[in-house]
Amino acid sequence: MKQKAPVFRNGMGRDSHRFLSDDSSKPCIIGGVIFDDVPGLDAESDGDVVYHSLCNAITSLTGVQILGGIARDLLRKDGITDSQVYLEKALQTLGAQKIVHVSISIEGKRPRFEDKIDAMRRKIAAVLKLKLTQVGITAISGDGLTDFGCGDGVQCLSMVTTVEELDV
């Protein structure tokens, strides 16, 4: 007699972008939240490193190329630069896998993240249809040890945990 058993999987993703010049009018969007005190990130899209790293984590779970495939096509064919749209498309590739937790680690000397972590958590929870307690975010300055720690850009690492009920 077959039984159902939960199978947990972890997907890891990473993304990074440099800042544009200080006179750029492109907004800086990280974790779905606008940061007014820094220039935008250098990317064809809005450059949201958090959403991009989440897309890459989902790619590591499914094998479906989100940023190099689906997002690139949305950008080239439809001009879509909103990384939230890419993330929503990534969610459609999960099949029976259900996200149960995301852990996000951001590195950058700038902008200052402390005051916007709660807003980022709320935004990400809403997009992923999770409870706020299922979204964890940490941010570090990098202490000048990397390009990100020197203020040249922002890097993000993400872990996405899913569960799927399988016959055993």
N, C-alpha and C. Protein backbone atom coordinates (compact mmCIF):
# COMPACT_ATOMS: atom_id res chain seq x y z
N MET A 1 0.85 -1.18 0.00
CA MET A 1 0.00 0.00 0.00
C MET A 1 0.89 1.24 0.00
N LYS A 2 0.64 2.10 -0.94
CA LYS A 2 1.44 3.33 -1.04
C LYS A 2 0.99 4.34 0.00
N GLN A 3 1.99 5.05 0.50
CA GLN A 3 1.73 6.13 1.45
C GLN A 3 2.29 7.41 0.88
N LYS A 4 1.75 8.52 1.34
CA LYS A 4 2.30 9.83 0.98
C LYS A 4 3.30 10.24 2.04
N ALA A 5 4.40 10.81 1.58
CA ALA A 5 5.43 11.31 2.51
C ALA A 5 5.91 12.66 2.01
N PRO A 6 6.14 13.59 2.93
CA PRO A 6 6.64 14.90 2.50
C PRO A 6 8.11 14.81 2.10
N VAL A 7 8.44 15.38 0.95
CA VAL A 7 9.82 15.45 0.50
C VAL A 7 10.20 16.93 0.45
N PHE A 8 11.22 17.29 1.20
CA PHE A 8 11.69 18.66 1.24
C PHE A 8 12.86 18.83 0.30
N ARG A 9 12.91 19.97 -0.37
CA ARG A 9 14.02 20.30 -1.26
C ARG A 9 14.47 21.73 -0.94
N ASN A 10 15.76 21.97 -1.14
CA ASN A 10 16.31 23.31 -0.99
C ASN A 10 16.93 23.76 -2.30
N GLY A 11 16.60 24.96 -2.72
CA GLY A 11 17.21 25.56 -3.90
C GLY A 11 17.97 26.80 -3.48
N MET A 12 19.18 26.95 -4.01
CA MET A 12 20.00 28.11 -3.67
C MET A 12 20.18 28.96 -4.92
N GLY A 13 20.10 30.28 -4.72
CA GLY A 13 20.30 31.22 -5.82
C GLY A 13 21.13 32.40 -5.39
N ARG A 14 21.78 33.03 -6.36
CA ARG A 14 22.63 34.18 -6.10
C ARG A 14 22.45 35.17 -7.24
N ASP A 15 22.60 36.45 -6.93
CA ASP A 15 22.62 37.48 -7.96
C ASP A 15 23.35 38.70 -7.42
N SER A 16 23.91 39.48 -8.33
CA SER A 16 24.59 40.71 -7.94
C SER A 16 24.56 41.68 -9.11
N HIS A 17 24.56 42.97 -8.79
CA HIS A 17 24.63 44.04 -9.79
C HIS A 17 25.40 45.21 -9.22
N ARG A 18 26.11 45.91 -10.09
CA ARG A 18 26.77 47.16 -9.73
C ARG A 18 25.76 48.29 -9.80
N PHE A 19 26.06 49.37 -9.08
CA PHE A 19 25.24 50.57 -9.17
C PHE A 19 25.55 51.30 -10.47
N LEU A 20 24.55 51.96 -11.00
CA LEU A 20 24.76 52.89 -12.11
C LEU A 20 25.42 54.15 -11.58
N SER A 21 25.75 55.07 -12.44
CA SER A 21 26.35 56.33 -11.99
C SER A 21 25.35 57.10 -11.13
N ASP A 22 25.88 57.96 -10.27
CA ASP A 22 25.03 58.71 -9.33
C ASP A 22 24.01 59.61 -10.02
N ASP A 23 24.24 59.95 -11.29
CA ASP A 23 23.29 60.83 -11.98
C ASP A 23 22.22 60.04 -12.74
N SER A 24 22.17 58.73 -12.54
CA SER A 24 21.16 57.90 -13.19
C SER A 24 19.78 58.19 -12.58
N SER A 25 18.77 58.17 -13.43
CA SER A 25 17.40 58.39 -12.94
C SER A 25 16.68 57.07 -12.66
N LYS A 26 17.34 55.95 -12.94
CA LYS A 26 16.74 54.64 -12.70
C LYS A 26 16.62 54.40 -11.20
N PRO A 27 15.43 54.01 -10.72
CA PRO A 27 15.29 53.76 -9.28
C PRO A 27 16.01 52.48 -8.85
N CYS A 28 16.42 52.44 -7.60
CA CYS A 28 17.03 51.26 -7.02
C CYS A 28 15.93 50.46 -6.33
N ILE A 29 15.69 49.25 -6.86
CA ILE A 29 14.65 48.38 -6.31
C ILE A 29 15.33 47.11 -5.79
N ILE A 30 15.14 46.84 -4.51
CA ILE A 30 15.71 45.65 -3.89
C ILE A 30 14.62 45.01 -3.03
N GLY A 31 14.34 43.75 -3.29
CA GLY A 31 13.28 43.07 -2.54
C GLY A 31 11.91 43.67 -2.78
N GLY A 32 11.73 44.25 -3.97
CA GLY A 32 10.45 44.86 -4.32
C GLY A 32 10.22 46.23 -3.72
N VAL A 33 11.24 46.78 -3.04
CA VAL A 33 11.12 48.06 -2.34
C VAL A 33 12.08 49.07 -2.97
N ILE A 34 11.63 50.30 -3.14
CA ILE A 34 12.47 51.36 -3.71
C ILE A 34 13.34 51.98 -2.62
N PHE A 35 14.63 52.11 -2.94
CA PHE A 35 15.59 52.79 -2.08
C PHE A 35 15.96 54.10 -2.77
N ASP A 36 15.59 55.22 -2.15
CA ASP A 36 15.77 56.53 -2.77
C ASP A 36 17.18 57.09 -2.65
N ASP A 37 17.99 56.57 -1.73
CA ASP A 37 19.27 57.20 -1.42
C ASP A 37 20.45 56.68 -2.24
N VAL A 38 20.19 55.81 -3.22
CA VAL A 38 21.25 55.26 -4.08
C VAL A 38 20.74 55.19 -5.51
N PRO A 39 21.68 55.17 -6.47
CA PRO A 39 21.26 55.02 -7.87
C PRO A 39 20.76 53.60 -8.13
N GLY A 40 20.11 53.41 -9.27
CA GLY A 40 19.62 52.10 -9.66
C GLY A 40 20.76 51.13 -9.93
N LEU A 41 20.38 49.88 -10.10
CA LEU A 41 21.37 48.82 -10.34
C LEU A 41 21.49 48.57 -11.84
N ASP A 42 22.71 48.32 -12.28
CA ASP A 42 23.03 48.15 -13.69
C ASP A 42 22.52 46.80 -14.19
N ALA A 43 21.42 46.82 -14.92
CA ALA A 43 20.81 45.61 -15.46
C ALA A 43 19.82 46.01 -16.55
N GLU A 44 19.54 45.09 -17.46
CA GLU A 44 18.52 45.36 -18.48
C GLU A 44 17.14 45.48 -17.84
N SER A 45 16.92 44.71 -16.78
CA SER A 45 15.67 44.78 -16.03
C SER A 45 15.80 45.84 -14.95
N ASP A 46 14.91 45.79 -13.96
CA ASP A 46 15.02 46.72 -12.83
C ASP A 46 16.21 46.37 -11.93
N GLY A 47 16.80 45.17 -12.12
CA GLY A 47 18.01 44.79 -11.38
C GLY A 47 17.77 44.34 -9.95
N ASP A 48 16.55 43.98 -9.59
CA ASP A 48 16.25 43.59 -8.22
C ASP A 48 16.99 42.29 -7.88
N VAL A 49 18.12 42.43 -7.17
CA VAL A 49 18.97 41.28 -6.86
C VAL A 49 18.28 40.25 -5.98
N VAL A 50 17.35 40.67 -5.13
CA VAL A 50 16.64 39.72 -4.28
C VAL A 50 15.70 38.88 -5.13
N TYR A 51 14.89 39.50 -5.96
CA TYR A 51 13.98 38.73 -6.81
C TYR A 51 14.76 37.85 -7.78
N HIS A 52 15.89 38.36 -8.30
CA HIS A 52 16.70 37.56 -9.22
C HIS A 52 17.29 36.35 -8.50
N SER A 53 17.77 36.53 -7.28
CA SER A 53 18.34 35.39 -6.56
C SER A 53 17.26 34.36 -6.22
N LEU A 54 16.04 34.82 -5.93
CA LEU A 54 14.93 33.89 -5.70
C LEU A 54 14.60 33.12 -6.98
N CYS A 55 14.61 33.81 -8.12
CA CYS A 55 14.40 33.13 -9.41
C CYS A 55 15.47 32.06 -9.63
N ASN A 56 16.72 32.40 -9.33
CA ASN A 56 17.81 31.44 -9.50
C ASN A 56 17.69 30.26 -8.54
N ALA A 57 17.19 30.50 -7.34
CA ALA A 57 16.96 29.40 -6.39
C ALA A 57 15.87 28.47 -6.92
N ILE A 58 14.83 29.04 -7.52
CA ILE A 58 13.77 28.21 -8.10
C ILE A 58 14.30 27.44 -9.30
N THR A 59 15.16 28.06 -10.10
CA THR A 59 15.81 27.34 -11.19
C THR A 59 16.58 26.14 -10.67
N SER A 60 17.27 26.30 -9.53
CA SER A 60 18.03 25.17 -8.99
C SER A 60 17.12 24.06 -8.49
N LEU A 61 15.87 24.37 -8.19
CA LEU A 61 14.89 23.36 -7.79
C LEU A 61 14.25 22.65 -8.98
N THR A 62 14.02 23.39 -10.05
CA THR A 62 13.24 22.87 -11.17
C THR A 62 14.05 22.57 -12.42
N GLY A 63 15.18 23.21 -12.58
CA GLY A 63 15.96 23.08 -13.80
C GLY A 63 15.47 23.98 -14.92
N VAL A 64 14.38 24.71 -14.69
CA VAL A 64 13.84 25.62 -15.70
C VAL A 64 14.60 26.94 -15.62
N GLN A 65 15.19 27.36 -16.72
CA GLN A 65 15.97 28.60 -16.75
C GLN A 65 15.02 29.80 -16.71
N ILE A 66 15.00 30.49 -15.59
CA ILE A 66 14.10 31.63 -15.42
C ILE A 66 14.76 32.89 -15.99
N LEU A 67 15.89 33.30 -15.41
CA LEU A 67 16.50 34.57 -15.85
C LEU A 67 17.11 34.44 -17.23
N GLY A 68 17.75 33.33 -17.54
CA GLY A 68 18.37 33.15 -18.85
C GLY A 68 17.40 32.70 -19.92
N GLY A 69 16.18 32.40 -19.54
CA GLY A 69 15.19 31.91 -20.50
C GLY A 69 13.91 32.72 -20.47
N ILE A 70 13.05 32.42 -19.50
CA ILE A 70 11.72 33.05 -19.42
C ILE A 70 11.82 34.56 -19.30
N ALA A 71 12.64 35.07 -18.38
CA ALA A 71 12.75 36.52 -18.17
C ALA A 71 13.36 37.20 -19.40
N ARG A 72 14.38 36.58 -19.97
CA ARG A 72 15.00 37.15 -21.18
C ARG A 72 13.97 37.28 -22.30
N ASP A 73 13.13 36.26 -22.46
CA ASP A 73 12.09 36.32 -23.49
C ASP A 73 11.06 37.40 -23.19
N LEU A 74 10.66 37.53 -21.93
CA LEU A 74 9.70 38.59 -21.55
C LEU A 74 10.28 39.97 -21.82
N LEU A 75 11.58 40.13 -21.56
CA LEU A 75 12.25 41.41 -21.80
C LEU A 75 12.32 41.70 -23.29
N ARG A 76 12.78 40.76 -24.08
CA ARG A 76 13.00 40.99 -25.51
C ARG A 76 11.72 41.06 -26.31
N LYS A 77 10.75 40.20 -26.00
CA LYS A 77 9.51 40.17 -26.77
C LYS A 77 8.49 41.21 -26.33
N ASP A 78 8.40 41.42 -25.00
CA ASP A 78 7.35 42.28 -24.46
C ASP A 78 7.86 43.52 -23.75
N GLY A 79 9.20 43.66 -23.63
CA GLY A 79 9.77 44.83 -22.96
C GLY A 79 9.57 44.85 -21.45
N ILE A 80 9.26 43.70 -20.85
CA ILE A 80 8.99 43.64 -19.42
C ILE A 80 10.31 43.66 -18.66
N THR A 81 10.48 44.66 -17.78
CA THR A 81 11.69 44.80 -16.98
C THR A 81 11.41 44.62 -15.48
N ASP A 82 10.18 44.37 -15.11
CA ASP A 82 9.77 44.23 -13.71
C ASP A 82 10.12 42.83 -13.21
N SER A 83 11.07 42.74 -12.29
CA SER A 83 11.52 41.44 -11.79
C SER A 83 10.44 40.70 -11.02
N GLN A 84 9.43 41.39 -10.52
CA GLN A 84 8.33 40.69 -9.86
C GLN A 84 7.61 39.79 -10.86
N VAL A 85 7.47 40.24 -12.09
CA VAL A 85 6.84 39.42 -13.13
C VAL A 85 7.68 38.16 -13.36
N TYR A 86 9.01 38.30 -13.38
CA TYR A 86 9.88 37.14 -13.55
C TYR A 86 9.68 36.14 -12.41
N LEU A 87 9.61 36.66 -11.19
CA LEU A 87 9.43 35.79 -10.03
C LEU A 87 8.07 35.09 -10.07
N GLU A 88 7.04 35.79 -10.47
CA GLU A 88 5.71 35.18 -10.58
C GLU A 88 5.72 34.07 -11.63
N LYS A 89 6.43 34.27 -12.73
CA LYS A 89 6.57 33.22 -13.75
C LYS A 89 7.37 32.04 -13.19
N ALA A 90 8.40 32.33 -12.40
CA ALA A 90 9.20 31.26 -11.79
C ALA A 90 8.33 30.38 -10.90
N LEU A 91 7.43 30.98 -10.16
CA LEU A 91 6.55 30.22 -9.27
C LEU A 91 5.72 29.21 -10.04
N GLN A 92 5.36 29.53 -11.26
CA GLN A 92 4.55 28.64 -12.09
C GLN A 92 5.31 27.38 -12.50
N THR A 93 6.63 27.38 -12.38
CA THR A 93 7.43 26.22 -12.77
C THR A 93 7.59 25.19 -11.65
N LEU A 94 7.12 25.51 -10.46
CA LEU A 94 7.33 24.63 -9.31
C LEU A 94 6.48 23.36 -9.33
N GLY A 95 5.43 23.33 -10.13
CA GLY A 95 4.57 22.15 -10.15
C GLY A 95 3.96 21.90 -8.80
N ALA A 96 4.10 20.67 -8.29
CA ALA A 96 3.50 20.30 -7.00
C ALA A 96 4.33 20.75 -5.80
N GLN A 97 5.53 21.30 -6.06
CA GLN A 97 6.34 21.78 -4.94
C GLN A 97 5.71 23.06 -4.37
N LYS A 98 5.64 23.11 -3.05
CA LYS A 98 5.09 24.29 -2.38
C LYS A 98 6.19 24.93 -1.54
N ILE A 99 6.40 26.23 -1.72
CA ILE A 99 7.40 26.93 -0.93
C ILE A 99 6.92 27.01 0.52
N VAL A 100 7.82 26.63 1.44
CA VAL A 100 7.49 26.69 2.86
C VAL A 100 8.37 27.69 3.60
N HIS A 101 9.49 28.09 3.00
CA HIS A 101 10.35 29.08 3.64
C HIS A 101 11.35 29.64 2.64
N VAL A 102 11.69 30.92 2.79
CA VAL A 102 12.79 31.51 2.04
C VAL A 102 13.71 32.22 3.03
N SER A 103 15.00 32.08 2.78
CA SER A 103 16.02 32.75 3.58
C SER A 103 16.87 33.57 2.62
N ILE A 104 17.02 34.84 2.93
CA ILE A 104 17.67 35.78 2.03
C ILE A 104 18.78 36.50 2.78
N SER A 105 19.96 36.58 2.17
CA SER A 105 21.08 37.29 2.75
C SER A 105 21.60 38.31 1.74
N ILE A 106 21.58 39.58 2.12
CA ILE A 106 21.98 40.67 1.24
C ILE A 106 23.29 41.25 1.74
N GLU A 107 24.21 41.54 0.80
CA GLU A 107 25.46 42.19 1.15
C GLU A 107 25.63 43.47 0.35
N GLY A 108 25.91 44.55 1.06
CA GLY A 108 26.19 45.82 0.42
C GLY A 108 26.44 46.91 1.45
N LYS A 109 27.44 47.71 1.18
CA LYS A 109 27.72 48.85 2.07
C LYS A 109 26.59 49.87 2.00
N ARG A 110 26.01 49.98 0.82
CA ARG A 110 24.88 50.87 0.62
C ARG A 110 23.87 50.16 -0.25
N PRO A 111 22.60 50.48 -0.13
CA PRO A 111 21.98 51.39 0.82
C PRO A 111 21.93 50.77 2.22
N ARG A 112 21.43 51.52 3.17
CA ARG A 112 21.21 50.99 4.51
C ARG A 112 19.90 50.19 4.48
N PHE A 113 19.95 48.95 4.86
CA PHE A 113 18.81 48.05 4.72
C PHE A 113 17.91 47.97 5.95
N GLU A 114 18.43 48.29 7.12
CA GLU A 114 17.72 48.03 8.37
C GLU A 114 16.28 48.53 8.37
N ASP A 115 16.07 49.76 7.92
CA ASP A 115 14.73 50.35 7.99
C ASP A 115 13.75 49.78 6.97
N LYS A 116 14.25 48.99 6.00
CA LYS A 116 13.36 48.49 4.94
C LYS A 116 13.24 46.98 4.92
N ILE A 117 13.89 46.30 5.85
CA ILE A 117 13.80 44.84 5.87
C ILE A 117 12.36 44.38 6.07
N ASP A 118 11.63 45.00 6.99
CA ASP A 118 10.23 44.60 7.21
C ASP A 118 9.39 44.81 5.96
N ALA A 119 9.59 45.91 5.26
CA ALA A 119 8.84 46.18 4.02
C ALA A 119 9.20 45.14 2.96
N MET A 120 10.48 44.78 2.86
CA MET A 120 10.89 43.75 1.89
C MET A 120 10.25 42.41 2.25
N ARG A 121 10.26 42.05 3.52
CA ARG A 121 9.65 40.78 3.95
C ARG A 121 8.17 40.75 3.61
N ARG A 122 7.46 41.85 3.86
CA ARG A 122 6.03 41.90 3.54
C ARG A 122 5.79 41.75 2.04
N LYS A 123 6.58 42.44 1.25
CA LYS A 123 6.43 42.39 -0.21
C LYS A 123 6.71 40.98 -0.73
N ILE A 124 7.80 40.38 -0.29
CA ILE A 124 8.17 39.03 -0.74
C ILE A 124 7.13 38.01 -0.29
N ALA A 125 6.67 38.11 0.95
CA ALA A 125 5.64 37.19 1.46
C ALA A 125 4.38 37.29 0.60
N ALA A 126 4.00 38.50 0.22
CA ALA A 126 2.80 38.68 -0.60
C ALA A 126 2.99 38.05 -1.99
N VAL A 127 4.12 38.29 -2.61
CA VAL A 127 4.37 37.74 -3.95
C VAL A 127 4.40 36.21 -3.91
N LEU A 128 5.05 35.65 -2.88
CA LEU A 128 5.19 34.20 -2.78
C LEU A 128 3.99 33.54 -2.09
N LYS A 129 3.04 34.34 -1.63
CA LYS A 129 1.86 33.86 -0.92
C LYS A 129 2.25 33.04 0.32
N LEU A 130 3.14 33.65 1.11
CA LEU A 130 3.62 33.05 2.34
C LEU A 130 3.23 33.90 3.53
N LYS A 131 3.31 33.32 4.72
CA LYS A 131 3.17 34.09 5.95
C LYS A 131 4.48 34.85 6.16
N LEU A 132 4.40 35.96 6.86
CA LEU A 132 5.59 36.76 7.13
C LEU A 132 6.67 35.95 7.85
N THR A 133 6.26 35.02 8.71
CA THR A 133 7.22 34.20 9.44
C THR A 133 7.96 33.21 8.55
N GLN A 134 7.53 33.06 7.31
CA GLN A 134 8.18 32.14 6.37
C GLN A 134 9.23 32.84 5.50
N VAL A 135 9.47 34.12 5.77
CA VAL A 135 10.44 34.91 4.99
C VAL A 135 11.46 35.50 5.96
N GLY A 136 12.71 35.09 5.81
CA GLY A 136 13.78 35.63 6.63
C GLY A 136 14.76 36.42 5.78
N ILE A 137 15.16 37.59 6.27
CA ILE A 137 16.13 38.42 5.55
C ILE A 137 17.19 38.90 6.53
N THR A 138 18.44 38.73 6.14
CA THR A 138 19.55 39.34 6.86
C THR A 138 20.28 40.25 5.88
N ALA A 139 20.92 41.26 6.41
CA ALA A 139 21.70 42.18 5.57
C ALA A 139 22.99 42.52 6.30
N ILE A 140 24.09 42.50 5.53
CA ILE A 140 25.39 42.86 6.08
C ILE A 140 26.03 43.93 5.21
N SER A 141 26.91 44.71 5.80
CA SER A 141 27.58 45.78 5.05
C SER A 141 28.76 45.26 4.25
N GLY A 142 29.32 44.12 4.64
CA GLY A 142 30.48 43.58 3.95
C GLY A 142 31.80 44.13 4.44
N ASP A 143 31.77 45.12 5.31
CA ASP A 143 32.97 45.66 5.96
C ASP A 143 34.11 45.99 4.99
N GLY A 144 33.78 46.37 3.78
CA GLY A 144 34.82 46.78 2.83
C GLY A 144 35.66 45.65 2.28
N LEU A 145 35.24 44.40 2.49
CA LEU A 145 36.04 43.25 2.08
C LEU A 145 35.82 42.82 0.63
N THR A 146 34.71 43.22 0.04
CA THR A 146 34.39 42.87 -1.35
C THR A 146 33.96 44.14 -2.07
N ASP A 147 33.72 44.04 -3.38
CA ASP A 147 33.18 45.18 -4.12
C ASP A 147 31.85 45.64 -3.52
N PHE A 148 31.06 44.68 -3.04
CA PHE A 148 29.77 45.01 -2.43
C PHE A 148 29.99 45.70 -1.10
N GLY A 149 30.95 45.22 -0.34
CA GLY A 149 31.30 45.83 0.94
C GLY A 149 31.95 47.19 0.80
N CYS A 150 32.44 47.50 -0.41
CA CYS A 150 33.02 48.82 -0.69
C CYS A 150 31.99 49.78 -1.27
N GLY A 151 30.77 49.31 -1.50
CA GLY A 151 29.70 50.19 -1.98
C GLY A 151 29.53 50.25 -3.48
N ASP A 152 30.16 49.32 -4.22
CA ASP A 152 30.06 49.34 -5.68
C ASP A 152 28.78 48.70 -6.21
N GLY A 153 28.11 47.90 -5.40
CA GLY A 153 26.91 47.20 -5.85
C GLY A 153 26.30 46.43 -4.70
N VAL A 154 25.39 45.53 -5.04
CA VAL A 154 24.68 44.73 -4.05
C VAL A 154 24.68 43.27 -4.51
N GLN A 155 24.87 42.38 -3.55
CA GLN A 155 24.84 40.94 -3.81
C GLN A 155 23.77 40.31 -2.92
N CYS A 156 23.12 39.27 -3.44
CA CYS A 156 22.11 38.57 -2.65
C CYS A 156 22.23 37.07 -2.85
N LEU A 157 22.15 36.34 -1.75
CA LEU A 157 22.07 34.88 -1.75
C LEU A 157 20.71 34.50 -1.17
N SER A 158 20.06 33.52 -1.80
CA SER A 158 18.75 33.07 -1.33
C SER A 158 18.69 31.56 -1.25
N MET A 159 17.92 31.09 -0.28
CA MET A 159 17.62 29.67 -0.15
C MET A 159 16.09 29.54 -0.14
N VAL A 160 15.57 28.71 -1.01
CA VAL A 160 14.14 28.46 -1.07
C VAL A 160 13.91 27.00 -0.68
N THR A 161 13.07 26.78 0.33
CA THR A 161 12.74 25.44 0.77
C THR A 161 11.31 25.10 0.33
N THR A 162 11.18 23.94 -0.32
CA THR A 162 9.85 23.50 -0.77
C THR A 162 9.53 22.14 -0.16
N VAL A 163 8.24 21.81 -0.19
CA VAL A 163 7.77 20.49 0.22
C VAL A 163 6.84 19.99 -0.87
N GLU A 164 6.88 18.68 -1.07
CA GLU A 164 6.00 18.03 -2.02
C GLU A 164 5.60 16.68 -1.45
N GLU A 165 4.34 16.32 -1.52
CA GLU A 165 3.88 15.02 -1.05
C GLU A 165 4.07 14.00 -2.17
N LEU A 166 4.88 12.98 -1.88
CA LEU A 166 5.16 11.94 -2.88
C LEU A 166 4.75 10.57 -2.37
N ASP A 167 4.41 9.70 -3.30
CA ASP A 167 4.12 8.32 -2.94
C ASP A 167 5.41 7.59 -2.59
N VAL A 168 5.39 6.85 -1.49
CA VAL A 168 6.57 6.07 -1.10
C VAL A 168 6.20 4.61 -0.91
